[in-house]
C-alpha atoms as a PDB file:
ATOM      1  CA  UNK A   1      59.074 178.944 125.426  1.00  0.00           C
ATOM      2  CA  UNK A   2      61.949 178.712 123.094  1.00  0.00           C
ATOM      3  CA  UNK A   3      62.101 176.824 119.774  1.00  0.00           C
ATOM      4  CA  UNK A   4      63.930 173.911 121.362  1.00  0.00           C
ATOM      5  CA  UNK A   5      61.191 173.142 123.790  1.00  0.00           C
ATOM      6  CA  UNK A   6      58.464 173.355 121.182  1.00  0.00           C
ATOM      7  CA  UNK A   7      56.470 170.137 120.842  1.00  0.00           C
ATOM      8  CA  UNK A   8      57.524 168.032 117.879  1.00  0.00           C
ATOM      9  CA  UNK A   9      54.777 167.065 115.501  1.00  0.00           C
ATOM     10  CA  UNK A  10      54.452 163.911 113.486  1.00  0.00           C
ATOM     11  CA  UNK A  11      55.230 165.806 110.304  1.00  0.00           C
ATOM     12  CA  UNK A  12      58.454 167.129 111.843  1.00  0.00           C
ATOM     13  CA  UNK A  13      59.429 163.598 112.814  1.00  0.00           C
ATOM     14  CA  UNK A  14      58.689 162.276 109.314  1.00  0.00           C
ATOM     15  CA  UNK A  15      60.808 165.005 107.793  1.00  0.00           C
ATOM     16  CA  UNK A  16      63.735 163.926 109.986  1.00  0.00           C
ATOM     17  CA  UNK A  17      63.681 160.360 108.618  1.00  0.00           C
ATOM     18  CA  UNK A  18      66.543 159.411 106.307  1.00  0.00           C
ATOM     19  CA  UNK A  19      66.013 157.344 103.157  1.00  0.00           C
ATOM     20  CA  UNK A  20      67.128 153.744 103.681  1.00  0.00           C
ATOM     21  CA  UNK A  21      69.930 152.570 101.392  1.00  0.00           C
ATOM     22  CA  UNK A  22      68.894 150.570  98.307  1.00  0.00           C
ATOM     23  CA  UNK A  23      69.407 146.814  98.717  1.00  0.00           C
ATOM     24  CA  UNK A  24      72.010 145.151  96.535  1.00  0.00           C
ATOM     25  CA  UNK A  25      70.629 143.697  93.282  1.00  0.00           C
ATOM     26  CA  UNK A  26      69.441 140.112  93.443  1.00  0.00           C
ATOM     27  CA  UNK A  27      71.700 137.718  91.536  1.00  0.00           C
ATOM     28  CA  UNK A  28      69.942 135.835  88.722  1.00  0.00           C
ATOM     29  CA  UNK A  29      72.334 132.894  88.892  1.00  0.00           C
ATOM     30  CA  UNK A  30      71.965 130.040  91.380  1.00  0.00           C
ATOM     31  CA  UNK A  31      73.998 130.631  94.505  1.00  0.00           C
ATOM     32  CA  UNK A  32      74.437 126.989  95.545  1.00  0.00           C
ATOM     33  CA  UNK A  33      76.026 124.007  93.784  1.00  0.00           C
ATOM     34  CA  UNK A  34      72.805 121.951  94.109  1.00  0.00           C
ATOM     35  CA  UNK A  35      71.051 124.027  91.468  1.00  0.00           C
ATOM     36  CA  UNK A  36      73.986 123.548  89.111  1.00  0.00           C
ATOM     37  CA  UNK A  37      73.869 119.801  89.685  1.00  0.00           C
ATOM     38  CA  UNK A  38      70.116 119.772  89.073  1.00  0.00           C
ATOM     39  CA  UNK A  39      70.593 121.714  85.846  1.00  0.00           C
ATOM     40  CA  UNK A  40      73.253 119.230  84.735  1.00  0.00           C
ATOM     41  CA  UNK A  41      70.922 116.288  85.486  1.00  0.00           C
ATOM     42  CA  UNK A  42      68.035 117.890  83.583  1.00  0.00           C
ATOM     43  CA  UNK A  43      70.262 118.593  80.577  1.00  0.00           C
ATOM     44  CA  UNK A  44      71.574 115.026  80.696  1.00  0.00           C
ATOM     45  CA  UNK A  45      68.019 113.638  80.827  1.00  0.00           C
ATOM     46  CA  UNK A  46      66.959 115.827  77.891  1.00  0.00           C
ATOM     47  CA  UNK A  47      69.974 114.708  75.860  1.00  0.00           C
ATOM     48  CA  UNK A  48      69.186 111.038  76.621  1.00  0.00           C
ATOM     49  CA  UNK A  49      65.529 111.563  75.648  1.00  0.00           C
ATOM     50  CA  UNK A  50      66.538 113.239  72.375  1.00  0.00           C
ATOM     51  CA  UNK A  51      68.946 110.388  71.593  1.00  0.00           C
ATOM     52  CA  UNK A  52      66.263 107.738  72.292  1.00  0.00           C
ATOM     53  CA  UNK A  53      63.734 109.602  70.152  1.00  0.00           C
ATOM     54  CA  UNK A  54      66.222 109.870  67.298  1.00  0.00           C
ATOM     55  CA  UNK A  55      67.048 106.122  67.527  1.00  0.00           C
ATOM     56  CA  UNK A  56      63.356 105.187  67.624  1.00  0.00           C
ATOM     57  CA  UNK A  57      62.524 107.326  64.585  1.00  0.00           C
ATOM     58  CA  UNK A  58      65.509 105.933  62.685  1.00  0.00           C
ATOM     59  CA  UNK A  59      64.644 102.351  63.602  1.00  0.00           C
ATOM     60  CA  UNK A  60      61.065 102.803  62.389  1.00  0.00           C
ATOM     61  CA  UNK A  61      61.798 104.633  59.145  1.00  0.00           C
ATOM     62  CA  UNK A  62      61.005 101.459  57.190  1.00  0.00           C
ATOM     63  CA  UNK A  63      57.503 101.450  58.735  1.00  0.00           C
ATOM     64  CA  UNK A  64      56.801 105.012  57.606  1.00  0.00           C
ATOM     65  CA  UNK A  65      58.020 104.197  54.090  1.00  0.00           C
ATOM     66  CA  UNK A  66      55.889 101.038  53.945  1.00  0.00           C
ATOM     67  CA  UNK A  67      52.776 102.874  55.137  1.00  0.00           C
ATOM     68  CA  UNK A  68      53.282 105.532  52.467  1.00  0.00           C
ATOM     69  CA  UNK A  69      53.589 102.841  49.784  1.00  0.00           C
ATOM     70  CA  UNK A  70      50.531 100.997  51.117  1.00  0.00           C
ATOM     71  CA  UNK A  71      48.481 104.179  50.943  1.00  0.00           C
ATOM     72  CA  UNK A  72      49.354 104.436  47.246  1.00  0.00           C
ATOM     73  CA  UNK A  73      48.763 100.710  46.593  1.00  0.00           C
ATOM     74  CA  UNK A  74      45.130 100.655  47.691  1.00  0.00           C
ATOM     75  CA  UNK A  75      43.849  97.057  47.838  1.00  0.00           C
ATOM     76  CA  UNK A  76      46.028  95.680  44.999  1.00  0.00           C
ATOM     77  CA  UNK A  77      47.271  92.267  46.241  1.00  0.00           C
ATOM     78  CA  UNK A  78      50.367  92.126  44.013  1.00  0.00           C
ATOM     79  CA  UNK A  79      51.676  95.503  45.166  1.00  0.00           C
ATOM     80  CA  UNK A  80      50.827  94.819  48.813  1.00  0.00           C
ATOM     81  CA  UNK A  81      52.617  91.455  48.706  1.00  0.00           C
ATOM     82  CA  UNK A  82      55.829  93.143  47.591  1.00  0.00           C
ATOM     83  CA  UNK A  83      55.539  95.898  50.180  1.00  0.00           C
ATOM     84  CA  UNK A  84      54.978  93.431  53.018  1.00  0.00           C
ATOM     85  CA  UNK A  85      57.899  91.299  51.861  1.00  0.00           C
ATOM     86  CA  UNK A  86      60.247  94.313  51.794  1.00  0.00           C
ATOM     87  CA  UNK A  87      58.993  95.437  55.193  1.00  0.00           C
ATOM     88  CA  UNK A  88      59.602  92.009  56.722  1.00  0.00           C
ATOM     89  CA  UNK A  89      63.080  91.864  55.180  1.00  0.00           C
ATOM     90  CA  UNK A  90      63.865  95.253  56.739  1.00  0.00           C
ATOM     91  CA  UNK A  91      62.777  94.060  60.176  1.00  0.00           C
ATOM     92  CA  UNK A  92      63.978  90.433  60.352  1.00  0.00           C
ATOM     93  CA  UNK A  93      67.110  88.666  59.147  1.00  0.00           C
ATOM     94  CA  UNK A  94      66.970  87.515  55.544  1.00  0.00           C
ATOM     95  CA  UNK A  95      67.469  83.911  56.644  1.00  0.00           C
ATOM     96  CA  UNK A  96      64.246  84.044  58.639  1.00  0.00           C
ATOM     97  CA  UNK A  97      61.974  85.702  56.051  1.00  0.00           C
ATOM     98  CA  UNK A  98      63.258  85.242  52.505  1.00  0.00           C
ATOM     99  CA  UNK A  99      62.432  81.559  52.181  1.00  0.00           C
ATOM    100  CA  UNK A 100      58.828  81.859  53.413  1.00  0.00           C
ATOM    101  CA  UNK A 101      56.142  81.303  50.768  1.00  0.00           C
ATOM    102  CA  UNK A 102      52.462  80.428  50.613  1.00  0.00           C
ATOM    103  CA  UNK A 103      50.900  79.257  53.876  1.00  0.00           C
ATOM    104  CA  UNK A 104      54.190  79.631  55.773  1.00  0.00           C
ATOM    105  CA  UNK A 105      54.407  83.295  54.760  1.00  0.00           C
ATOM    106  CA  UNK A 106      50.792  83.924  55.798  1.00  0.00           C
ATOM    107  CA  UNK A 107      51.346  82.116  59.115  1.00  0.00           C
ATOM    108  CA  UNK A 108      54.426  84.282  59.707  1.00  0.00           C
ATOM    109  CA  UNK A 109      52.388  87.445  59.120  1.00  0.00           C
ATOM    110  CA  UNK A 110      49.671  86.233  61.509  1.00  0.00           C
ATOM    111  CA  UNK A 111      52.194  85.244  64.162  1.00  0.00           C
ATOM    112  CA  UNK A 112      54.161  88.499  64.096  1.00  0.00           C
ATOM    113  CA  UNK A 113      51.422  91.061  64.367  1.00  0.00           C
ATOM    114  CA  UNK A 114      48.301  90.446  62.392  1.00  0.00           C
ATOM    115  CA  UNK A 115      45.236  88.298  62.120  1.00  0.00           C
ATOM    116  CA  UNK A 116      43.410  87.687  58.904  1.00  0.00           C
ATOM    117  CA  UNK A 117      46.240  86.582  56.675  1.00  0.00           C
ATOM    118  CA  UNK A 118      45.693  82.823  56.875  1.00  0.00           C
ATOM    119  CA  UNK A 119      41.902  83.062  57.147  1.00  0.00           C
ATOM    120  CA  UNK A 120      40.709  86.332  55.687  1.00  0.00           C
ATOM    121  CA  UNK A 121      41.504  88.853  53.002  1.00  0.00           C
ATOM    122  CA  UNK A 122      45.233  88.301  53.517  1.00  0.00           C
ATOM    123  CA  UNK A 123      45.008  84.838  51.915  1.00  0.00           C
ATOM    124  CA  UNK A 124      45.128  86.587  48.523  1.00  0.00           C
ATOM    125  CA  UNK A 125      48.772  87.468  49.212  1.00  0.00           C
ATOM    126  CA  UNK A 126      49.891  83.856  48.730  1.00  0.00           C
ATOM    127  CA  UNK A 127      48.801  83.895  45.063  1.00  0.00           C
ATOM    128  CA  UNK A 128      49.235  87.613  44.319  1.00  0.00           C
ATOM    129  CA  UNK A 129      52.839  87.660  43.082  1.00  0.00           C
ATOM    130  CA  UNK A 130      51.997  85.025  40.444  1.00  0.00           C
ATOM    131  CA  UNK A 131      48.937  86.704  38.934  1.00  0.00           C
ATOM    132  CA  UNK A 132      48.803  89.788  36.769  1.00  0.00           C
ATOM    133  CA  UNK A 133      45.828  92.092  36.917  1.00  0.00           C
ATOM    134  CA  UNK A 134      44.269  90.474  39.960  1.00  0.00           C
ATOM    135  CA  UNK A 135      41.153  92.262  41.211  1.00  0.00           C
ATOM    136  CA  UNK A 136      41.513  94.371  44.348  1.00  0.00           C
ATOM    137  CA  UNK A 137      40.663  92.577  47.601  1.00  0.00           C
ATOM    138  CA  UNK A 138      38.560  94.814  49.868  1.00  0.00           C
ATOM    139  CA  UNK A 139      40.165  95.375  53.260  1.00  0.00           C
ATOM    140  CA  UNK A 140      43.584  94.032  52.268  1.00  0.00           C
ATOM    141  CA  UNK A 141      45.245  97.449  52.381  1.00  0.00           C
ATOM    142  CA  UNK A 142      43.931  98.112  55.889  1.00  0.00           C
ATOM    143  CA  UNK A 143      44.994  94.644  57.037  1.00  0.00           C
ATOM    144  CA  UNK A 144      48.508  95.158  55.678  1.00  0.00           C
ATOM    145  CA  UNK A 145      48.784  98.662  57.190  1.00  0.00           C
ATOM    146  CA  UNK A 146      47.723  97.244  60.553  1.00  0.00           C
ATOM    147  CA  UNK A 147      50.437  94.601  60.330  1.00  0.00           C
ATOM    148  CA  UNK A 148      53.069  97.227  59.483  1.00  0.00           C
ATOM    149  CA  UNK A 149      52.040  99.297  62.510  1.00  0.00           C
ATOM    150  CA  UNK A 150      51.727  96.403  64.980  1.00  0.00           C
ATOM    151  CA  UNK A 151      54.407  93.856  64.120  1.00  0.00           C
ATOM    152  CA  UNK A 152      57.051  93.380  66.767  1.00  0.00           C
ATOM    153  CA  UNK A 153      60.537  92.124  66.156  1.00  0.00           C
ATOM    154  CA  UNK A 154      61.901  89.985  68.963  1.00  0.00           C
ATOM    155  CA  UNK A 155      65.449  90.667  70.106  1.00  0.00           C
ATOM    156  CA  UNK A 156      68.098  88.963  68.004  1.00  0.00           C
ATOM    157  CA  UNK A 157      70.430  86.611  69.862  1.00  0.00           C
END
């Protein structure tokens, strides 16, 4: 028997195998236009969301300022009366708010986002600007802070 007719073993066959070529590298960029369009839509949605968030924060800056002042005012009716007046003037047109006094002012506060101004601790606000050294009214600060957080301004025509 010559070397050509010798039986081939599995090891001989494995040694005859050639290494396969390496595949081309996978591209990390999208290969179709749909992914680009989706990316553009997502970026557009994120930009719109950022713009809305910025507008909302800017529109409610007066609320944050009023809440900070109310935290420092405690339950002092005179200070709270001024803070609520400035807050209302920031939210509504001057012609709607500036002329309100006494029961009309308290009714406005009740109608726009609170309860307890006409009948409750908020009644002290009607007399507060005209009295010096008035005693603190328990719960007035919390009532006023609740109004600042909850009041809603209807759309202006």
